[in-house]
Amino acid sequence: MLSRHHTCFNILSCVTTLGSLCRLVQSLPRMIIMDEIGKQVKFSLEAAKLAQSNVCHGTYDASAEIIIVGIDQRDTALWGSIK
């Protein structure tokens, strides 16, 4: 049960962060943002939404696998370009 709660928390965190990042990217039309970052953010958001849907249907294992990919993509989009 704790694992499911943690999975749900991670999914919500990922969706929230990606949603904020998408809004930020869209609000800066004059700023040049690499296409790759935008693609990673969109892919991550789709993965997070799919994981959230899976949790609603009780498929926790599939959600956990999907959210791991989504979190990795989120982190790459947020921090991968800052080096």
N, C-alpha and C. Protein backbone atom coordinates (compact mmCIF):
# COMPACT_ATOMS: atom_id res chain seq x y z
N MET A 1 0.82 -1.20 0.00
CA MET A 1 0.00 0.00 0.00
C MET A 1 0.87 1.26 0.00
N LEU A 2 1.95 1.23 0.77
CA LEU A 2 2.85 2.38 0.82
C LEU A 2 3.49 2.62 -0.55
N SER A 3 3.81 1.52 -1.23
CA SER A 3 4.39 1.63 -2.57
C SER A 3 3.41 2.30 -3.53
N ARG A 4 2.15 1.95 -3.43
CA ARG A 4 1.13 2.56 -4.30
C ARG A 4 0.99 4.04 -4.00
N HIS A 5 1.00 4.38 -2.72
CA HIS A 5 0.89 5.78 -2.32
C HIS A 5 2.08 6.57 -2.86
N HIS A 6 3.27 5.99 -2.75
CA HIS A 6 4.48 6.64 -3.24
C HIS A 6 4.43 6.80 -4.76
N THR A 7 3.94 5.79 -5.46
CA THR A 7 3.79 5.87 -6.92
C THR A 7 2.83 6.99 -7.30
N CYS A 8 1.71 7.06 -6.62
CA CYS A 8 0.73 8.13 -6.90
C CYS A 8 1.33 9.50 -6.63
N PHE A 9 2.08 9.62 -5.54
CA PHE A 9 2.72 10.89 -5.21
C PHE A 9 3.72 11.29 -6.30
N ASN A 10 4.52 10.33 -6.76
CA ASN A 10 5.49 10.61 -7.82
C ASN A 10 4.81 11.02 -9.12
N ILE A 11 3.72 10.36 -9.44
CA ILE A 11 2.99 10.70 -10.66
C ILE A 11 2.45 12.12 -10.57
N LEU A 12 1.83 12.45 -9.46
CA LEU A 12 1.29 13.79 -9.28
C LEU A 12 2.39 14.84 -9.34
N SER A 13 3.51 14.56 -8.70
CA SER A 13 4.65 15.48 -8.71
C SER A 13 5.17 15.68 -10.13
N CYS A 14 5.29 14.60 -10.86
CA CYS A 14 5.79 14.67 -12.24
C CYS A 14 4.83 15.46 -13.12
N VAL A 15 3.54 15.17 -13.03
CA VAL A 15 2.54 15.87 -13.84
C VAL A 15 2.55 17.36 -13.52
N THR A 16 2.62 17.69 -12.23
CA THR A 16 2.62 19.08 -11.81
C THR A 16 3.85 19.82 -12.33
N THR A 17 5.01 19.21 -12.16
CA THR A 17 6.26 19.83 -12.62
C THR A 17 6.26 20.01 -14.13
N LEU A 18 5.85 18.99 -14.85
CA LEU A 18 5.83 19.08 -16.31
C LEU A 18 4.81 20.09 -16.80
N GLY A 19 3.67 20.14 -16.14
CA GLY A 19 2.67 21.14 -16.50
C GLY A 19 3.21 22.55 -16.32
N SER A 20 3.89 22.77 -15.20
CA SER A 20 4.51 24.08 -14.96
C SER A 20 5.58 24.40 -15.99
N LEU A 21 6.38 23.41 -16.32
CA LEU A 21 7.43 23.60 -17.31
C LEU A 21 6.84 23.91 -18.68
N CYS A 22 5.78 23.21 -19.05
CA CYS A 22 5.12 23.48 -20.33
C CYS A 22 4.58 24.91 -20.38
N ARG A 23 3.95 25.34 -19.29
CA ARG A 23 3.42 26.70 -19.24
C ARG A 23 4.56 27.73 -19.33
N LEU A 24 5.66 27.45 -18.65
CA LEU A 24 6.81 28.35 -18.70
C LEU A 24 7.36 28.45 -20.12
N VAL A 25 7.54 27.31 -20.77
CA VAL A 25 8.07 27.30 -22.13
C VAL A 25 7.14 28.07 -23.07
N GLN A 26 5.85 27.88 -22.91
CA GLN A 26 4.89 28.56 -23.78
C GLN A 26 4.80 30.05 -23.49
N SER A 27 5.12 30.46 -22.27
CA SER A 27 5.02 31.88 -21.92
C SER A 27 6.24 32.69 -22.34
N LEU A 28 7.25 32.03 -22.86
CA LEU A 28 8.47 32.71 -23.27
C LEU A 28 8.67 32.60 -24.78
N PRO A 29 7.78 33.19 -25.57
CA PRO A 29 7.86 33.01 -27.02
C PRO A 29 9.10 33.63 -27.65
N ARG A 30 9.67 34.63 -27.03
CA ARG A 30 10.84 35.27 -27.63
C ARG A 30 12.14 34.60 -27.23
N MET A 31 12.09 33.77 -26.26
CA MET A 31 13.29 33.08 -25.80
C MET A 31 13.49 31.82 -26.64
N ILE A 32 14.69 31.62 -27.09
CA ILE A 32 15.00 30.44 -27.90
C ILE A 32 15.15 29.25 -26.97
N ILE A 33 14.32 28.25 -27.19
CA ILE A 33 14.35 27.04 -26.38
C ILE A 33 14.60 25.88 -27.33
N MET A 34 15.58 25.09 -26.98
CA MET A 34 15.93 23.97 -27.85
C MET A 34 14.72 23.07 -28.09
N ASP A 35 14.56 22.65 -29.33
CA ASP A 35 13.45 21.76 -29.68
C ASP A 35 13.49 20.47 -28.88
N GLU A 36 14.68 19.98 -28.62
CA GLU A 36 14.82 18.71 -27.89
C GLU A 36 14.22 18.81 -26.49
N ILE A 37 14.40 19.94 -25.83
CA ILE A 37 13.83 20.12 -24.49
C ILE A 37 12.31 20.07 -24.57
N GLY A 38 11.75 20.77 -25.55
CA GLY A 38 10.30 20.75 -25.73
C GLY A 38 9.77 19.36 -26.00
N LYS A 39 10.48 18.59 -26.81
CA LYS A 39 10.06 17.22 -27.11
C LYS A 39 10.12 16.35 -25.86
N GLN A 40 11.18 16.51 -25.07
CA GLN A 40 11.31 15.72 -23.84
C GLN A 40 10.20 16.06 -22.86
N VAL A 41 9.88 17.34 -22.75
CA VAL A 41 8.82 17.76 -21.84
C VAL A 41 7.48 17.18 -22.28
N LYS A 42 7.18 17.27 -23.57
CA LYS A 42 5.91 16.73 -24.07
C LYS A 42 5.83 15.22 -23.88
N PHE A 43 6.92 14.50 -24.18
CA PHE A 43 6.95 13.06 -24.00
C PHE A 43 6.75 12.70 -22.53
N SER A 44 7.42 13.44 -21.66
CA SER A 44 7.31 13.18 -20.22
C SER A 44 5.90 13.43 -19.72
N LEU A 45 5.29 14.50 -20.18
CA LEU A 45 3.93 14.82 -19.76
C LEU A 45 2.96 13.74 -20.23
N GLU A 46 3.13 13.26 -21.45
CA GLU A 46 2.28 12.18 -21.95
C GLU A 46 2.47 10.91 -21.12
N ALA A 47 3.72 10.60 -20.78
CA ALA A 47 4.00 9.42 -19.96
C ALA A 47 3.36 9.56 -18.58
N ALA A 48 3.46 10.74 -18.01
CA ALA A 48 2.88 10.96 -16.68
C ALA A 48 1.36 10.85 -16.72
N LYS A 49 0.75 11.39 -17.75
CA LYS A 49 -0.71 11.29 -17.87
C LYS A 49 -1.15 9.84 -18.07
N LEU A 50 -0.38 9.07 -18.84
CA LEU A 50 -0.68 7.65 -19.03
C LEU A 50 -0.55 6.90 -17.71
N ALA A 51 0.49 7.20 -16.97
CA ALA A 51 0.69 6.56 -15.67
C ALA A 51 -0.44 6.91 -14.72
N GLN A 52 -0.87 8.16 -14.74
CA GLN A 52 -1.97 8.59 -13.89
C GLN A 52 -3.25 7.83 -14.26
N SER A 53 -3.49 7.66 -15.55
CA SER A 53 -4.65 6.90 -16.01
C SER A 53 -4.57 5.45 -15.56
N ASN A 54 -3.37 4.86 -15.66
CA ASN A 54 -3.19 3.47 -15.23
C ASN A 54 -3.47 3.30 -13.75
N VAL A 55 -3.04 4.27 -12.94
CA VAL A 55 -3.29 4.20 -11.50
C VAL A 55 -4.78 4.21 -11.23
N CYS A 56 -5.51 5.05 -11.96
CA CYS A 56 -6.96 5.11 -11.79
C CYS A 56 -7.63 3.78 -12.11
N HIS A 57 -7.00 2.99 -12.99
CA HIS A 57 -7.54 1.68 -13.36
C HIS A 57 -6.92 0.54 -12.57
N GLY A 58 -6.06 0.88 -11.61
CA GLY A 58 -5.49 -0.14 -10.72
C GLY A 58 -4.27 -0.87 -11.25
N THR A 59 -3.69 -0.43 -12.34
CA THR A 59 -2.49 -1.09 -12.87
C THR A 59 -1.26 -0.36 -12.37
N TYR A 60 -0.92 -0.64 -11.11
CA TYR A 60 0.15 0.09 -10.43
C TYR A 60 1.54 -0.24 -10.97
N ASP A 61 1.79 -1.50 -11.31
CA ASP A 61 3.12 -1.87 -11.80
C ASP A 61 3.44 -1.16 -13.11
N ALA A 62 2.48 -1.14 -14.01
CA ALA A 62 2.69 -0.45 -15.29
C ALA A 62 2.89 1.04 -15.05
N SER A 63 2.15 1.60 -14.11
CA SER A 63 2.29 3.02 -13.80
C SER A 63 3.67 3.33 -13.26
N ALA A 64 4.17 2.46 -12.40
CA ALA A 64 5.50 2.68 -11.82
C ALA A 64 6.57 2.68 -12.91
N GLU A 65 6.47 1.76 -13.84
CA GLU A 65 7.45 1.70 -14.93
C GLU A 65 7.38 2.94 -15.81
N ILE A 66 6.17 3.37 -16.12
CA ILE A 66 5.99 4.55 -16.97
C ILE A 66 6.48 5.80 -16.27
N ILE A 67 6.19 5.93 -14.98
CA ILE A 67 6.57 7.14 -14.28
C ILE A 67 8.08 7.25 -14.12
N ILE A 68 8.76 6.13 -14.02
CA ILE A 68 10.23 6.18 -13.95
C ILE A 68 10.78 6.81 -15.23
N VAL A 69 10.24 6.41 -16.37
CA VAL A 69 10.67 7.00 -17.64
C VAL A 69 10.32 8.49 -17.66
N GLY A 70 9.12 8.81 -17.20
CA GLY A 70 8.69 10.21 -17.18
C GLY A 70 9.56 11.08 -16.29
N ILE A 71 9.93 10.56 -15.13
CA ILE A 71 10.78 11.32 -14.21
C ILE A 71 12.16 11.52 -14.82
N ASP A 72 12.69 10.49 -15.45
CA ASP A 72 14.00 10.62 -16.11
C ASP A 72 13.95 11.68 -17.21
N GLN A 73 12.88 11.67 -17.99
CA GLN A 73 12.74 12.66 -19.05
C GLN A 73 12.57 14.07 -18.48
N ARG A 74 11.81 14.17 -17.39
CA ARG A 74 11.63 15.46 -16.74
C ARG A 74 12.96 16.01 -16.27
N ASP A 75 13.73 15.17 -15.60
CA ASP A 75 15.03 15.60 -15.08
C ASP A 75 15.98 15.99 -16.21
N THR A 76 15.95 15.24 -17.29
CA THR A 76 16.80 15.57 -18.44
C THR A 76 16.39 16.91 -19.03
N ALA A 77 15.08 17.13 -19.15
CA ALA A 77 14.60 18.39 -19.71
C ALA A 77 14.94 19.57 -18.80
N LEU A 78 14.81 19.38 -17.49
CA LEU A 78 15.06 20.47 -16.56
C LEU A 78 16.54 20.74 -16.33
N TRP A 79 17.32 19.68 -16.17
CA TRP A 79 18.70 19.85 -15.74
C TRP A 79 19.73 19.42 -16.77
N GLY A 80 19.32 18.69 -17.78
CA GLY A 80 20.27 18.18 -18.76
C GLY A 80 20.96 19.25 -19.58
N SER A 81 20.27 20.36 -19.80
CA SER A 81 20.86 21.43 -20.62
C SER A 81 21.70 22.40 -19.79
N ILE A 82 21.68 22.24 -18.47
CA ILE A 82 22.45 23.12 -17.59
C ILE A 82 23.72 22.40 -17.19
N LYS A 83 24.78 22.67 -17.90
CA LYS A 83 26.06 22.02 -17.59
C LYS A 83 27.18 23.01 -17.74
